[in-house]
């Protein structure tokens, strides 16, 4: 519990300092190199699907085992050193402060009325094309990203860290990174990325729903529209191709009384996503800051609840 607490607080204070090599970079390089090696043996769609399963197993298991062994080696030298290493890794796994920082970069450019720079900073945190987005679309994309990553980058990692410490948390991050790199339903990854996408859906099934519940509590504490938050979650929780993403997005849309979803462009192709929430008012710049507030309080509620559960067990 102490290592989790230290890692959690360190993330809130420092986020992801650029001068510290992030584990996700190593995981990403591992994915690229392993994919390149495995694709040499893919002769058919069936081969790609099977090799994609191998890719998922190799990367996720490697992330768990390497993290586990790293902690054990340092703990063998000194138990407190082992605790320190695990706390540091938990700090690296979580993404609360970094999500705040990167989202506010977009907000700051919008406040300066610099649409070009806002598009550029947005392109660093979303998968869609941003070069032609107007202000409303930039705000919507940023709010959606904050909402979705509250689940993927904070609540889900915390959930698995509380269950199995830094090793399980890092295994989750590996699976999530796999999905973001190869889990696309395009010609290149339709079969090869199938296992990664499905496994990520499975891992996020419970955390996404917990995120929605914690967001309701956060909305109540922030005195946003918590009743509409509950209503939109119930109504629009399935309005997404992903079985999980709509839960946090619906919670934020309901709380802020805005509408998310619509047309986005990926790899030059326009993709329509079902709308989430009602257009009770127009989007405004401050919605980005409001979504960040929801993220922080949701994170705190999650940490407190999981701590109580773990101590109780």
C-alpha atoms as a PDB file:
ATOM      1  CA  UNK A   1       0.000   0.000   0.000  1.00  0.00           C
ATOM      2  CA  UNK A   2       2.850   2.391   0.783  1.00  0.00           C
ATOM      3  CA  UNK A   3       4.520   1.796  -2.588  1.00  0.00           C
ATOM      4  CA  UNK A   4       1.210   2.321  -4.398  1.00  0.00           C
ATOM      5  CA  UNK A   5       0.590   5.521  -2.442  1.00  0.00           C
ATOM      6  CA  UNK A   6       4.063   6.887  -3.149  1.00  0.00           C
ATOM      7  CA  UNK A   7       3.786   6.041  -6.854  1.00  0.00           C
ATOM      8  CA  UNK A   8       0.323   7.596  -7.091  1.00  0.00           C
ATOM      9  CA  UNK A   9       1.346  10.844  -5.373  1.00  0.00           C
ATOM     10  CA  UNK A  10       4.593  11.069  -7.372  1.00  0.00           C
ATOM     11  CA  UNK A  11       2.553  10.885 -10.583  1.00  0.00           C
ATOM     12  CA  UNK A  12       0.276  13.705  -9.391  1.00  0.00           C
ATOM     13  CA  UNK A  13       3.318  15.873  -8.656  1.00  0.00           C
ATOM     14  CA  UNK A  14       5.729  15.134 -11.516  1.00  0.00           C
ATOM     15  CA  UNK A  15       3.781  13.340 -14.244  1.00  0.00           C
ATOM     16  CA  UNK A  16       6.131  12.047 -16.944  1.00  0.00           C
ATOM     17  CA  UNK A  17       9.379  14.091 -16.883  1.00  0.00           C
ATOM     18  CA  UNK A  18      10.818  14.135 -20.403  1.00  0.00           C
ATOM     19  CA  UNK A  19      14.345  13.429 -19.151  1.00  0.00           C
ATOM     20  CA  UNK A  20      13.336  10.046 -17.678  1.00  0.00           C
ATOM     21  CA  UNK A  21      13.156   7.240 -20.291  1.00  0.00           C
ATOM     22  CA  UNK A  22       9.555   6.021 -20.114  1.00  0.00           C
ATOM     23  CA  UNK A  23       8.831   2.250 -20.017  1.00  0.00           C
ATOM     24  CA  UNK A  24       6.224   2.693 -22.753  1.00  0.00           C
ATOM     25  CA  UNK A  25       8.995   3.678 -25.178  1.00  0.00           C
ATOM     26  CA  UNK A  26      10.752   0.383 -24.503  1.00  0.00           C
ATOM     27  CA  UNK A  27       7.470  -1.502 -24.838  1.00  0.00           C
ATOM     28  CA  UNK A  28       6.735   0.325 -28.096  1.00  0.00           C
ATOM     29  CA  UNK A  29      10.140  -0.569 -29.510  1.00  0.00           C
ATOM     30  CA  UNK A  30       9.586  -4.174 -28.441  1.00  0.00           C
ATOM     31  CA  UNK A  31       6.264  -4.230 -30.270  1.00  0.00           C
ATOM     32  CA  UNK A  32       7.774  -2.788 -33.470  1.00  0.00           C
ATOM     33  CA  UNK A  33      10.697  -5.214 -33.508  1.00  0.00           C
ATOM     34  CA  UNK A  34       8.603  -8.262 -32.635  1.00  0.00           C
ATOM     35  CA  UNK A  35       5.982  -7.361 -35.238  1.00  0.00           C
ATOM     36  CA  UNK A  36       8.695  -6.964 -37.893  1.00  0.00           C
ATOM     37  CA  UNK A  37      10.126 -10.379 -37.009  1.00  0.00           C
ATOM     38  CA  UNK A  38       6.773 -12.218 -36.894  1.00  0.00           C
ATOM     39  CA  UNK A  39       5.454 -10.734 -40.145  1.00  0.00           C
ATOM     40  CA  UNK A  40       8.198 -12.582 -42.039  1.00  0.00           C
ATOM     41  CA  UNK A  41       6.262 -15.782 -41.401  1.00  0.00           C
ATOM     42  CA  UNK A  42       2.797 -14.486 -42.319  1.00  0.00           C
ATOM     43  CA  UNK A  43       1.628 -16.025 -45.612  1.00  0.00           C
ATOM     44  CA  UNK A  44      -2.123 -15.681 -45.128  1.00  0.00           C
ATOM     45  CA  UNK A  45      -4.773 -13.927 -43.064  1.00  0.00           C
ATOM     46  CA  UNK A  46      -4.915 -16.967 -40.794  1.00  0.00           C
ATOM     47  CA  UNK A  47      -1.157 -16.743 -40.237  1.00  0.00           C
ATOM     48  CA  UNK A  48      -1.450 -13.049 -39.397  1.00  0.00           C
ATOM     49  CA  UNK A  49      -4.159 -13.743 -36.813  1.00  0.00           C
ATOM     50  CA  UNK A  50      -2.132 -16.520 -35.191  1.00  0.00           C
ATOM     51  CA  UNK A  51       1.081 -14.468 -35.175  1.00  0.00           C
ATOM     52  CA  UNK A  52      -0.877 -11.533 -33.729  1.00  0.00           C
ATOM     53  CA  UNK A  53      -1.847 -13.788 -30.833  1.00  0.00           C
ATOM     54  CA  UNK A  54       1.832 -14.653 -30.335  1.00  0.00           C
ATOM     55  CA  UNK A  55       2.717 -10.950 -30.416  1.00  0.00           C
ATOM     56  CA  UNK A  56       0.200 -10.205 -27.653  1.00  0.00           C
ATOM     57  CA  UNK A  57       1.416 -13.085 -25.474  1.00  0.00           C
ATOM     58  CA  UNK A  58       5.111 -12.233 -25.968  1.00  0.00           C
ATOM     59  CA  UNK A  59       4.778  -8.513 -25.226  1.00  0.00           C
ATOM     60  CA  UNK A  60       2.389  -8.756 -22.265  1.00  0.00           C
ATOM     61  CA  UNK A  61       4.240 -11.633 -20.606  1.00  0.00           C
ATOM     62  CA  UNK A  62       7.609  -9.957 -21.175  1.00  0.00           C
ATOM     63  CA  UNK A  63       6.379  -6.742 -19.562  1.00  0.00           C
ATOM     64  CA  UNK A  64       5.170  -8.663 -16.514  1.00  0.00           C
ATOM     65  CA  UNK A  65       8.245 -10.874 -16.130  1.00  0.00           C
ATOM     66  CA  UNK A  66      10.820  -8.101 -16.654  1.00  0.00           C
ATOM     67  CA  UNK A  67       9.054  -5.832 -14.140  1.00  0.00           C
ATOM     68  CA  UNK A  68       8.704  -8.680 -11.632  1.00  0.00           C
ATOM     69  CA  UNK A  69      12.372  -9.675 -11.918  1.00  0.00           C
ATOM     70  CA  UNK A  70      13.557  -6.075 -11.722  1.00  0.00           C
ATOM     71  CA  UNK A  71      11.753  -5.569  -8.412  1.00  0.00           C
ATOM     72  CA  UNK A  72      12.948  -8.927  -7.048  1.00  0.00           C
ATOM     73  CA  UNK A  73      16.594  -8.245  -7.933  1.00  0.00           C
ATOM     74  CA  UNK A  74      16.603  -4.873  -6.185  1.00  0.00           C
ATOM     75  CA  UNK A  75      14.638  -6.303  -3.238  1.00  0.00           C
ATOM     76  CA  UNK A  76      17.304  -9.011  -2.910  1.00  0.00           C
ATOM     77  CA  UNK A  77      19.946  -6.301  -2.571  1.00  0.00           C
ATOM     78  CA  UNK A  78      17.815  -4.414  -0.060  1.00  0.00           C
ATOM     79  CA  UNK A  79      14.071  -4.777   0.687  1.00  0.00           C
ATOM     80  CA  UNK A  80      13.573  -1.005   0.838  1.00  0.00           C
ATOM     81  CA  UNK A  81      15.315  -0.624  -2.509  1.00  0.00           C
ATOM     82  CA  UNK A  82      12.807  -3.109  -3.930  1.00  0.00           C
ATOM     83  CA  UNK A  83       9.930  -1.043  -2.545  1.00  0.00           C
ATOM     84  CA  UNK A  84      11.475   2.092  -4.016  1.00  0.00           C
ATOM     85  CA  UNK A  85      11.831   0.553  -7.464  1.00  0.00           C
ATOM     86  CA  UNK A  86       8.221  -0.647  -7.429  1.00  0.00           C
ATOM     87  CA  UNK A  87       6.990   2.791  -6.318  1.00  0.00           C
ATOM     88  CA  UNK A  88       8.992   4.378  -9.157  1.00  0.00           C
ATOM     89  CA  UNK A  89       7.506   1.971 -11.710  1.00  0.00           C
ATOM     90  CA  UNK A  90       3.972   2.673 -10.465  1.00  0.00           C
ATOM     91  CA  UNK A  91       4.741   6.385 -10.836  1.00  0.00           C
ATOM     92  CA  UNK A  92       5.753   5.672 -14.453  1.00  0.00           C
ATOM     93  CA  UNK A  93       2.696   3.525 -15.188  1.00  0.00           C
ATOM     94  CA  UNK A  94       0.107   6.142 -14.169  1.00  0.00           C
ATOM     95  CA  UNK A  95      -0.674   9.106 -16.437  1.00  0.00           C
ATOM     96  CA  UNK A  96      -2.757  11.588 -14.432  1.00  0.00           C
ATOM     97  CA  UNK A  97      -0.466  14.626 -14.459  1.00  0.00           C
ATOM     98  CA  UNK A  98       0.788  14.004 -18.000  1.00  0.00           C
ATOM     99  CA  UNK A  99      -2.788  13.837 -19.323  1.00  0.00           C
ATOM    100  CA  UNK A 100      -3.454  17.155 -17.607  1.00  0.00           C
ATOM    101  CA  UNK A 101      -0.284  18.765 -19.006  1.00  0.00           C
ATOM    102  CA  UNK A 102      -0.740  17.564 -22.585  1.00  0.00           C
ATOM    103  CA  UNK A 103      -4.438  18.521 -22.685  1.00  0.00           C
ATOM    104  CA  UNK A 104      -3.766  21.983 -21.269  1.00  0.00           C
ATOM    105  CA  UNK A 105      -1.254  22.609 -24.054  1.00  0.00           C
ATOM    106  CA  UNK A 106      -4.196  22.432 -26.461  1.00  0.00           C
ATOM    107  CA  UNK A 107      -6.328  24.638 -24.193  1.00  0.00           C
ATOM    108  CA  UNK A 108      -3.620  27.305 -23.909  1.00  0.00           C
ATOM    109  CA  UNK A 109      -3.357  27.595 -27.696  1.00  0.00           C
ATOM    110  CA  UNK A 110      -7.138  27.886 -28.020  1.00  0.00           C
ATOM    111  CA  UNK A 111      -7.107  30.668 -25.438  1.00  0.00           C
ATOM    112  CA  UNK A 112      -4.540  32.437 -27.643  1.00  0.00           C
ATOM    113  CA  UNK A 113      -6.813  31.818 -30.654  1.00  0.00           C
ATOM    114  CA  UNK A 114      -3.964  29.948 -32.313  1.00  0.00           C
ATOM    115  CA  UNK A 115      -5.876  27.141 -34.061  1.00  0.00           C
ATOM    116  CA  UNK A 116      -2.803  25.897 -35.912  1.00  0.00           C
ATOM    117  CA  UNK A 117      -0.821  25.282 -32.731  1.00  0.00           C
ATOM    118  CA  UNK A 118      -3.872  23.807 -31.000  1.00  0.00           C
ATOM    119  CA  UNK A 119      -4.173  21.307 -33.849  1.00  0.00           C
ATOM    120  CA  UNK A 120      -0.479  20.472 -33.556  1.00  0.00           C
ATOM    121  CA  UNK A 121      -0.570  19.792 -29.815  1.00  0.00           C
ATOM    122  CA  UNK A 122      -3.808  17.840 -30.209  1.00  0.00           C
ATOM    123  CA  UNK A 123      -2.161  15.588 -32.810  1.00  0.00           C
ATOM    124  CA  UNK A 124       0.228  14.364 -30.093  1.00  0.00           C
ATOM    125  CA  UNK A 125      -2.593  12.914 -27.958  1.00  0.00           C
ATOM    126  CA  UNK A 126      -5.193  11.641 -30.459  1.00  0.00           C
ATOM    127  CA  UNK A 127      -5.182   9.152 -33.307  1.00  0.00           C
ATOM    128  CA  UNK A 128      -7.438  11.150 -35.628  1.00  0.00           C
ATOM    129  CA  UNK A 129      -6.217  13.662 -38.188  1.00  0.00           C
ATOM    130  CA  UNK A 130      -6.238  17.206 -36.803  1.00  0.00           C
ATOM    131  CA  UNK A 131      -5.043  19.397 -39.678  1.00  0.00           C
ATOM    132  CA  UNK A 132      -8.521  20.641 -40.649  1.00  0.00           C
ATOM    133  CA  UNK A 133     -10.344  20.656 -37.317  1.00  0.00           C
ATOM    134  CA  UNK A 134     -12.187  23.809 -36.246  1.00  0.00           C
ATOM    135  CA  UNK A 135     -12.303  25.056 -32.649  1.00  0.00           C
ATOM    136  CA  UNK A 136     -15.387  23.042 -31.632  1.00  0.00           C
ATOM    137  CA  UNK A 137     -13.896  19.867 -33.089  1.00  0.00           C
ATOM    138  CA  UNK A 138     -10.612  20.464 -31.269  1.00  0.00           C
ATOM    139  CA  UNK A 139     -12.440  20.946 -27.966  1.00  0.00           C
ATOM    140  CA  UNK A 140     -14.519  17.818 -28.553  1.00  0.00           C
ATOM    141  CA  UNK A 141     -11.461  15.729 -29.422  1.00  0.00           C
ATOM    142  CA  UNK A 142      -9.606  16.920 -26.317  1.00  0.00           C
ATOM    143  CA  UNK A 143     -12.541  16.259 -23.980  1.00  0.00           C
ATOM    144  CA  UNK A 144     -13.037  12.796 -25.500  1.00  0.00           C
ATOM    145  CA  UNK A 145      -9.349  12.035 -25.032  1.00  0.00           C
ATOM    146  CA  UNK A 146      -9.348  13.145 -21.395  1.00  0.00           C
ATOM    147  CA  UNK A 147     -12.483  11.097 -20.709  1.00  0.00           C
ATOM    148  CA  UNK A 148     -11.257   7.932 -22.443  1.00  0.00           C
ATOM    149  CA  UNK A 149      -7.755   8.141 -20.984  1.00  0.00           C
ATOM    150  CA  UNK A 150      -9.106   8.654 -17.483  1.00  0.00           C
ATOM    151  CA  UNK A 151     -10.097   5.020 -17.826  1.00  0.00           C
ATOM    152  CA  UNK A 152      -7.171   3.698 -19.927  1.00  0.00           C
ATOM    153  CA  UNK A 153      -4.389   5.745 -18.368  1.00  0.00           C
ATOM    154  CA  UNK A 154      -5.440   6.028 -14.723  1.00  0.00           C
ATOM    155  CA  UNK A 155      -8.310   3.894 -13.441  1.00  0.00           C
ATOM    156  CA  UNK A 156      -7.440   0.665 -15.305  1.00  0.00           C
ATOM    157  CA  UNK A 157      -3.735   0.764 -14.357  1.00  0.00           C
ATOM    158  CA  UNK A 158      -4.658   1.509 -10.721  1.00  0.00           C
ATOM    159  CA  UNK A 159      -7.144  -1.373 -10.761  1.00  0.00           C
ATOM    160  CA  UNK A 160      -4.479  -3.848 -11.879  1.00  0.00           C
ATOM    161  CA  UNK A 161      -1.772  -2.345  -9.656  1.00  0.00           C
ATOM    162  CA  UNK A 162      -3.978  -2.864  -6.602  1.00  0.00           C
ATOM    163  CA  UNK A 163      -4.471  -6.487  -7.665  1.00  0.00           C
ATOM    164  CA  UNK A 164      -0.928  -7.430  -8.658  1.00  0.00           C
ATOM    165  CA  UNK A 165       1.405  -4.513  -8.038  1.00  0.00           C
ATOM    166  CA  UNK A 166       3.672  -2.900 -10.628  1.00  0.00           C
ATOM    167  CA  UNK A 167       4.176  -6.143 -12.648  1.00  0.00           C
ATOM    168  CA  UNK A 168       0.460  -6.519 -13.396  1.00  0.00           C
ATOM    169  CA  UNK A 169       0.120  -2.784 -13.945  1.00  0.00           C
ATOM    170  CA  UNK A 170       2.962  -2.861 -16.478  1.00  0.00           C
ATOM    171  CA  UNK A 171       1.426  -5.898 -18.198  1.00  0.00           C
ATOM    172  CA  UNK A 172      -1.794  -3.903 -18.581  1.00  0.00           C
ATOM    173  CA  UNK A 173       0.122  -0.933 -20.037  1.00  0.00           C
ATOM    174  CA  UNK A 174       1.798  -3.293 -22.508  1.00  0.00           C
ATOM    175  CA  UNK A 175      -1.601  -4.598 -23.617  1.00  0.00           C
ATOM    176  CA  UNK A 176      -2.968  -1.078 -23.919  1.00  0.00           C
ATOM    177  CA  UNK A 177       0.072   0.034 -25.932  1.00  0.00           C
ATOM    178  CA  UNK A 178      -0.358  -2.970 -28.220  1.00  0.00           C
ATOM    179  CA  UNK A 179      -3.940  -1.927 -28.898  1.00  0.00           C
ATOM    180  CA  UNK A 180      -2.901   1.652 -29.676  1.00  0.00           C
ATOM    181  CA  UNK A 181      -0.188   0.473 -32.089  1.00  0.00           C
ATOM    182  CA  UNK A 182      -1.663  -2.546 -33.867  1.00  0.00           C
ATOM    183  CA  UNK A 183      -5.317  -2.741 -32.789  1.00  0.00           C
ATOM    184  CA  UNK A 184      -6.681  -1.006 -35.893  1.00  0.00           C
ATOM    185  CA  UNK A 185      -9.377  -2.403 -38.161  1.00  0.00           C
ATOM    186  CA  UNK A 186      -7.610  -1.405 -41.355  1.00  0.00           C
ATOM    187  CA  UNK A 187      -6.054  -3.519 -44.106  1.00  0.00           C
ATOM    188  CA  UNK A 188      -2.686  -3.780 -42.373  1.00  0.00           C
ATOM    189  CA  UNK A 189      -3.888  -4.770 -38.902  1.00  0.00           C
ATOM    190  CA  UNK A 190      -7.351  -6.291 -39.368  1.00  0.00           C
ATOM    191  CA  UNK A 191      -6.000  -9.791 -38.682  1.00  0.00           C
ATOM    192  CA  UNK A 192      -2.591  -9.131 -37.154  1.00  0.00           C
ATOM    193  CA  UNK A 193      -4.013  -6.748 -34.549  1.00  0.00           C
ATOM    194  CA  UNK A 194      -7.162  -8.742 -33.785  1.00  0.00           C
ATOM    195  CA  UNK A 195      -5.810 -10.406 -30.619  1.00  0.00           C
ATOM    196  CA  UNK A 196      -4.368  -7.162 -29.242  1.00  0.00           C
ATOM    197  CA  UNK A 197      -7.648  -5.308 -29.725  1.00  0.00           C
ATOM    198  CA  UNK A 198      -9.741  -8.094 -28.189  1.00  0.00           C
ATOM    199  CA  UNK A 199      -7.415  -8.550 -25.220  1.00  0.00           C
ATOM    200  CA  UNK A 200      -7.462  -4.808 -24.505  1.00  0.00           C
ATOM    201  CA  UNK A 201     -11.280  -4.876 -24.610  1.00  0.00           C
ATOM    202  CA  UNK A 202     -11.318  -7.704 -22.073  1.00  0.00           C
ATOM    203  CA  UNK A 203      -8.856  -6.012 -19.725  1.00  0.00           C
ATOM    204  CA  UNK A 204     -10.795  -2.726 -19.813  1.00  0.00           C
ATOM    205  CA  UNK A 205     -14.247  -4.241 -19.367  1.00  0.00           C
ATOM    206  CA  UNK A 206     -14.398  -3.825 -15.570  1.00  0.00           C
ATOM    207  CA  UNK A 207     -12.225  -0.660 -15.265  1.00  0.00           C
ATOM    208  CA  UNK A 208     -14.319   1.254 -17.837  1.00  0.00           C
ATOM    209  CA  UNK A 209     -17.494   0.578 -15.886  1.00  0.00           C
ATOM    210  CA  UNK A 210     -15.807   1.442 -12.609  1.00  0.00           C
ATOM    211  CA  UNK A 211     -14.615   4.675 -14.200  1.00  0.00           C
ATOM    212  CA  UNK A 212     -18.207   5.621 -15.032  1.00  0.00           C
ATOM    213  CA  UNK A 213     -19.270   4.949 -11.429  1.00  0.00           C
ATOM    214  CA  UNK A 214     -16.360   6.926 -10.005  1.00  0.00           C
ATOM    215  CA  UNK A 215     -17.120   9.752 -12.460  1.00  0.00           C
ATOM    216  CA  UNK A 216     -20.671   9.962 -11.136  1.00  0.00           C
ATOM    217  CA  UNK A 217     -19.257  10.466  -7.624  1.00  0.00           C
ATOM    218  CA  UNK A 218     -16.724  12.994  -8.967  1.00  0.00           C
ATOM    219  CA  UNK A 219     -19.475  14.882 -10.779  1.00  0.00           C
ATOM    220  CA  UNK A 220     -21.525  15.026  -7.585  1.00  0.00           C
ATOM    221  CA  UNK A 221     -18.539  16.356  -5.608  1.00  0.00           C
ATOM    222  CA  UNK A 222     -17.809  18.974  -8.292  1.00  0.00           C
ATOM    223  CA  UNK A 223     -21.484  19.991  -8.333  1.00  0.00           C
ATOM    224  CA  UNK A 224     -21.842  19.247 -12.032  1.00  0.00           C
ATOM    225  CA  UNK A 225     -24.999  17.627 -13.436  1.00  0.00           C
ATOM    226  CA  UNK A 226     -24.638  14.190 -11.793  1.00  0.00           C
ATOM    227  CA  UNK A 227     -28.239  13.207 -12.552  1.00  0.00           C
ATOM    228  CA  UNK A 228     -27.737  13.800 -16.269  1.00  0.00           C
ATOM    229  CA  UNK A 229     -24.396  11.998 -15.948  1.00  0.00           C
ATOM    230  CA  UNK A 230     -26.235   8.852 -14.769  1.00  0.00           C
ATOM    231  CA  UNK A 231     -28.916   9.254 -17.447  1.00  0.00           C
ATOM    232  CA  UNK A 232     -26.459   9.564 -20.348  1.00  0.00           C
ATOM    233  CA  UNK A 233     -24.355   6.639 -19.106  1.00  0.00           C
ATOM    234  CA  UNK A 234     -27.446   4.427 -19.066  1.00  0.00           C
ATOM    235  CA  UNK A 235     -28.642   5.623 -22.474  1.00  0.00           C
ATOM    236  CA  UNK A 236     -25.421   6.023 -24.472  1.00  0.00           C
ATOM    237  CA  UNK A 237     -23.025   3.519 -22.880  1.00  0.00           C
ATOM    238  CA  UNK A 238     -23.089   1.397 -26.050  1.00  0.00           C
ATOM    239  CA  UNK A 239     -22.727   4.254 -28.565  1.00  0.00           C
ATOM    240  CA  UNK A 240     -19.189   3.313 -29.576  1.00  0.00           C
ATOM    241  CA  UNK A 241     -17.457   0.609 -31.598  1.00  0.00           C
ATOM    242  CA  UNK A 242     -15.468  -0.209 -28.472  1.00  0.00           C
ATOM    243  CA  UNK A 243     -17.430  -2.010 -25.728  1.00  0.00           C
ATOM    244  CA  UNK A 244     -15.726   0.224 -23.145  1.00  0.00           C
ATOM    245  CA  UNK A 245     -14.934   3.727 -24.427  1.00  0.00           C
ATOM    246  CA  UNK A 246     -18.496   5.043 -24.320  1.00  0.00           C
ATOM    247  CA  UNK A 247     -18.757   4.637 -20.535  1.00  0.00           C
ATOM    248  CA  UNK A 248     -16.306   7.405 -19.514  1.00  0.00           C
ATOM    249  CA  UNK A 249     -17.236   9.560 -22.517  1.00  0.00           C
ATOM    250  CA  UNK A 250     -20.937   9.292 -21.660  1.00  0.00           C
ATOM    251  CA  UNK A 251     -20.212  10.198 -18.039  1.00  0.00           C
ATOM    252  CA  UNK A 252     -18.327  13.363 -19.004  1.00  0.00           C
ATOM    253  CA  UNK A 253     -20.826  14.325 -21.719  1.00  0.00           C
ATOM    254  CA  UNK A 254     -23.708  13.953 -19.271  1.00  0.00           C
ATOM    255  CA  UNK A 255     -21.962  15.807 -16.465  1.00  0.00           C
ATOM    256  CA  UNK A 256     -21.063  18.756 -18.710  1.00  0.00           C
ATOM    257  CA  UNK A 257     -24.353  18.653 -20.671  1.00  0.00           C
ATOM    258  CA  UNK A 258     -22.527  18.466 -24.009  1.00  0.00           C
ATOM    259  CA  UNK A 259     -22.484  16.130 -27.006  1.00  0.00           C
ATOM    260  CA  UNK A 260     -19.469  14.061 -28.046  1.00  0.00           C
ATOM    261  CA  UNK A 261     -18.914  11.765 -31.029  1.00  0.00           C
ATOM    262  CA  UNK A 262     -19.578  12.528 -34.687  1.00  0.00           C
ATOM    263  CA  UNK A 263     -17.333  12.478 -37.748  1.00  0.00           C
ATOM    264  CA  UNK A 264     -13.556  11.998 -37.381  1.00  0.00           C
ATOM    265  CA  UNK A 265     -10.839  11.327 -39.962  1.00  0.00           C
ATOM    266  CA  UNK A 266      -8.421   8.410 -39.556  1.00  0.00           C
ATOM    267  CA  UNK A 267      -5.705   7.686 -42.133  1.00  0.00           C
ATOM    268  CA  UNK A 268      -7.510   9.849 -44.690  1.00  0.00           C
ATOM    269  CA  UNK A 269     -10.851   8.089 -44.187  1.00  0.00           C
ATOM    270  CA  UNK A 270     -13.870   9.755 -42.573  1.00  0.00           C
ATOM    271  CA  UNK A 271     -15.367   7.671 -39.788  1.00  0.00           C
ATOM    272  CA  UNK A 272     -18.739   8.403 -38.172  1.00  0.00           C
ATOM    273  CA  UNK A 273     -19.020   7.684 -34.471  1.00  0.00           C
ATOM    274  CA  UNK A 274     -22.463   7.644 -32.827  1.00  0.00           C
ATOM    275  CA  UNK A 275     -23.100  10.764 -30.767  1.00  0.00           C
ATOM    276  CA  UNK A 276     -22.903  10.565 -26.987  1.00  0.00           C
ATOM    277  CA  UNK A 277     -24.865  12.996 -24.837  1.00  0.00           C
ATOM    278  CA  UNK A 278     -27.346  15.711 -25.779  1.00  0.00           C
ATOM    279  CA  UNK A 279     -26.553  19.051 -27.359  1.00  0.00           C
ATOM    280  CA  UNK A 280     -27.935  21.016 -24.413  1.00  0.00           C
ATOM    281  CA  UNK A 281     -25.330  23.724 -24.991  1.00  0.00           C
ATOM    282  CA  UNK A 282     -22.434  24.482 -27.314  1.00  0.00           C
ATOM    283  CA  UNK A 283     -18.914  23.321 -26.563  1.00  0.00           C
ATOM    284  CA  UNK A 284     -16.599  25.905 -25.004  1.00  0.00           C
ATOM    285  CA  UNK A 285     -12.898  26.056 -24.151  1.00  0.00           C
ATOM    286  CA  UNK A 286     -13.564  25.677 -20.431  1.00  0.00           C
ATOM    287  CA  UNK A 287     -14.999  22.207 -21.077  1.00  0.00           C
ATOM    288  CA  UNK A 288     -11.409  20.982 -21.417  1.00  0.00           C
ATOM    289  CA  UNK A 289     -10.564  22.314 -17.956  1.00  0.00           C
ATOM    290  CA  UNK A 290     -13.795  20.868 -16.563  1.00  0.00           C
ATOM    291  CA  UNK A 291     -13.035  17.436 -17.986  1.00  0.00           C
ATOM    292  CA  UNK A 292      -9.571  17.609 -16.372  1.00  0.00           C
ATOM    293  CA  UNK A 293     -11.187  18.398 -13.011  1.00  0.00           C
ATOM    294  CA  UNK A 294     -13.437  15.356 -13.414  1.00  0.00           C
ATOM    295  CA  UNK A 295     -10.343  13.284 -14.224  1.00  0.00           C
ATOM    296  CA  UNK A 296      -8.517  14.340 -11.035  1.00  0.00           C
ATOM    297  CA  UNK A 297     -11.472  13.789  -8.706  1.00  0.00           C
ATOM    298  CA  UNK A 298     -12.297  10.476 -10.389  1.00  0.00           C
ATOM    299  CA  UNK A 299      -8.705   9.406  -9.857  1.00  0.00           C
ATOM    300  CA  UNK A 300      -8.839  10.355  -6.160  1.00  0.00           C
ATOM    301  CA  UNK A 301     -12.171   8.586  -5.639  1.00  0.00           C
ATOM    302  CA  UNK A 302     -10.785   5.464  -7.307  1.00  0.00           C
ATOM    303  CA  UNK A 303      -7.634   5.494  -5.173  1.00  0.00           C
ATOM    304  CA  UNK A 304      -9.625   5.903  -1.946  1.00  0.00           C
ATOM    305  CA  UNK A 305     -12.168   3.203  -2.824  1.00  0.00           C
ATOM    306  CA  UNK A 306      -9.535   0.664  -3.926  1.00  0.00           C
ATOM    307  CA  UNK A 307      -7.478   1.401  -0.807  1.00  0.00           C
ATOM    308  CA  UNK A 308     -10.497   0.759   1.433  1.00  0.00           C
ATOM    309  CA  UNK A 309     -11.252  -2.469  -0.427  1.00  0.00           C
ATOM    310  CA  UNK A 310      -7.634  -3.680  -0.232  1.00  0.00           C
ATOM    311  CA  UNK A 311      -7.310  -2.871   3.468  1.00  0.00           C
ATOM    312  CA  UNK A 312     -10.662  -4.532   4.098  1.00  0.00           C
ATOM    313  CA  UNK A 313      -9.559  -7.686   2.298  1.00  0.00           C
END
